[in-house]
Amino acid sequence: MFDDEYVEAEEVIVLVDSRGMTPRQANMIDIEAIANAYDYTAEDVLGKSKLKALVAVRRKCVVMLRRRGYSTTEIGRIMHRDHSTICHALSVAKLKGEYNDPIEA
């Protein structure tokens, strides 16, 4: 039926950083590094646990991503959370003196 027609595939452009990684790969490595510094895994940080110590590590990851310029929606996608949860984490970090938002300053 469509044997005579073909669609030319578009070229896919993948962004990589100086380490040769996509932004997602770089973010996951950095999340894992923060998690390992506190004796957790990236899976723990991205998981559903609400242990106080783990939530603090998760908040550090959120702050790190925000400082890189990601929106709350983008951070939510990376961290498997709703953007409103990210907003709350940033407000708690601000109250605890862990983060100063340059946009609000």
Protein backbone atom coordinates (compact mmCIF):
# COMPACT_ATOMS: atom_id res chain seq x y z
CA MET A 1 0.00 0.00 0.00
CA PHE A 2 2.73 2.49 0.95
CA ASP A 3 5.65 0.63 -0.59
CA ASP A 4 6.58 3.48 -2.92
CA GLU A 5 6.62 6.10 -0.18
CA TYR A 6 9.15 6.56 2.55
CA VAL A 7 9.74 9.13 5.20
CA GLU A 8 13.26 10.36 5.62
CA ALA A 9 14.25 10.06 9.26
CA GLU A 10 15.21 13.27 10.98
CA GLU A 11 18.61 13.47 12.56
CA VAL A 12 18.48 13.19 16.34
CA ILE A 13 20.74 15.58 18.22
CA VAL A 14 21.83 14.52 21.69
CA LEU A 15 23.45 17.09 23.95
CA VAL A 16 26.49 15.97 25.89
CA ASP A 17 28.64 17.80 28.41
CA SER A 18 32.42 17.92 28.68
CA ARG A 19 32.36 14.49 30.32
CA GLY A 20 30.56 13.05 27.29
CA MET A 21 27.30 12.51 29.18
CA THR A 22 23.75 13.61 28.61
CA PRO A 23 22.27 15.97 31.22
CA ARG A 24 20.25 13.09 32.70
CA GLN A 25 23.34 10.91 33.08
CA ALA A 26 25.33 13.76 34.65
CA ASN A 27 22.50 14.55 37.09
CA MET A 28 22.14 10.92 38.12
CA ILE A 29 25.88 10.61 38.76
CA ASP A 30 25.80 13.75 40.91
CA ILE A 31 22.70 12.57 42.79
CA GLU A 32 24.43 9.26 43.41
CA ALA A 33 27.58 11.06 44.65
CA ILE A 34 25.54 13.10 47.15
CA ALA A 35 23.65 9.99 48.26
CA ASN A 36 26.87 7.99 48.71
CA ALA A 37 28.39 10.78 50.80
CA TYR A 38 25.59 10.15 53.32
CA ASP A 39 25.62 6.33 53.00
CA TYR A 40 22.53 6.11 50.79
CA THR A 41 22.01 5.03 47.20
CA ALA A 42 20.49 7.00 44.34
CA GLU A 43 17.55 4.59 44.52
CA ASP A 44 17.03 5.56 48.17
CA VAL A 45 17.05 9.26 47.30
CA LEU A 46 14.63 8.78 44.39
CA GLY A 47 12.44 6.40 46.38
CA LYS A 48 9.45 7.03 48.62
CA SER A 49 11.00 6.76 52.08
CA LYS A 50 10.29 9.64 54.46
CA LEU A 51 13.12 9.02 56.92
CA LYS A 52 14.23 12.41 58.22
CA ALA A 53 17.90 11.89 57.35
CA LEU A 54 17.04 10.67 53.86
CA VAL A 55 14.70 13.60 53.24
CA ALA A 56 17.59 15.94 54.14
CA VAL A 57 19.82 14.25 51.54
CA ARG A 58 17.01 14.44 48.98
CA ARG A 59 16.68 18.15 49.74
CA LYS A 60 20.42 18.64 49.09
CA CYS A 61 19.95 17.04 45.67
CA VAL A 62 17.01 19.35 44.94
CA VAL A 63 19.07 22.40 45.91
CA MET A 64 21.97 21.22 43.72
CA LEU A 65 19.66 20.88 40.72
CA ARG A 66 18.04 24.26 41.38
CA ARG A 67 21.45 25.93 41.50
CA ARG A 68 22.10 24.47 38.05
CA GLY A 69 19.11 26.40 36.78
CA TYR A 70 16.49 23.67 36.52
CA SER A 71 12.85 24.64 37.06
CA THR A 72 10.83 23.03 39.82
CA THR A 73 8.95 21.00 37.19
CA GLU A 74 12.21 19.71 35.68
CA ILE A 75 13.60 18.86 39.12
CA GLY A 76 10.35 17.05 39.91
CA ARG A 77 10.76 14.89 36.82
CA ILE A 78 14.36 14.08 37.71
CA MET A 79 13.54 13.31 41.35
CA HIS A 80 10.23 11.52 40.61
CA ARG A 81 8.25 14.08 42.61
CA ASP A 82 5.54 16.64 41.95
CA HIS A 83 6.79 20.19 41.39
CA SER A 84 4.93 21.36 44.50
CA THR A 85 6.99 18.91 46.57
CA ILE A 86 10.12 20.48 45.08
CA CYS A 87 8.82 23.96 45.97
CA HIS A 88 8.31 22.79 49.55
CA ALA A 89 11.80 21.26 49.71
CA LEU A 90 13.30 24.54 48.50
CA SER A 91 11.33 26.57 51.04
CA VAL A 92 12.48 24.27 53.87
CA ALA A 93 16.07 24.53 52.60
CA LYS A 94 15.74 28.31 52.62
CA LEU A 95 14.41 28.29 56.20
CA LYS A 96 17.29 26.07 57.31
CA GLY A 97 19.81 28.35 55.59
CA GLU A 98 20.81 25.71 53.04
CA TYR A 99 19.70 27.73 50.04
CA ASN A 100 19.26 31.34 48.99
CA ASP A 101 17.19 31.75 45.86
CA PRO A 102 18.88 34.38 43.65
CA ILE A 103 15.53 35.06 41.97
CA GLU A 104 13.91 36.15 45.27
CA ALA A 105 16.99 37.98 46.62
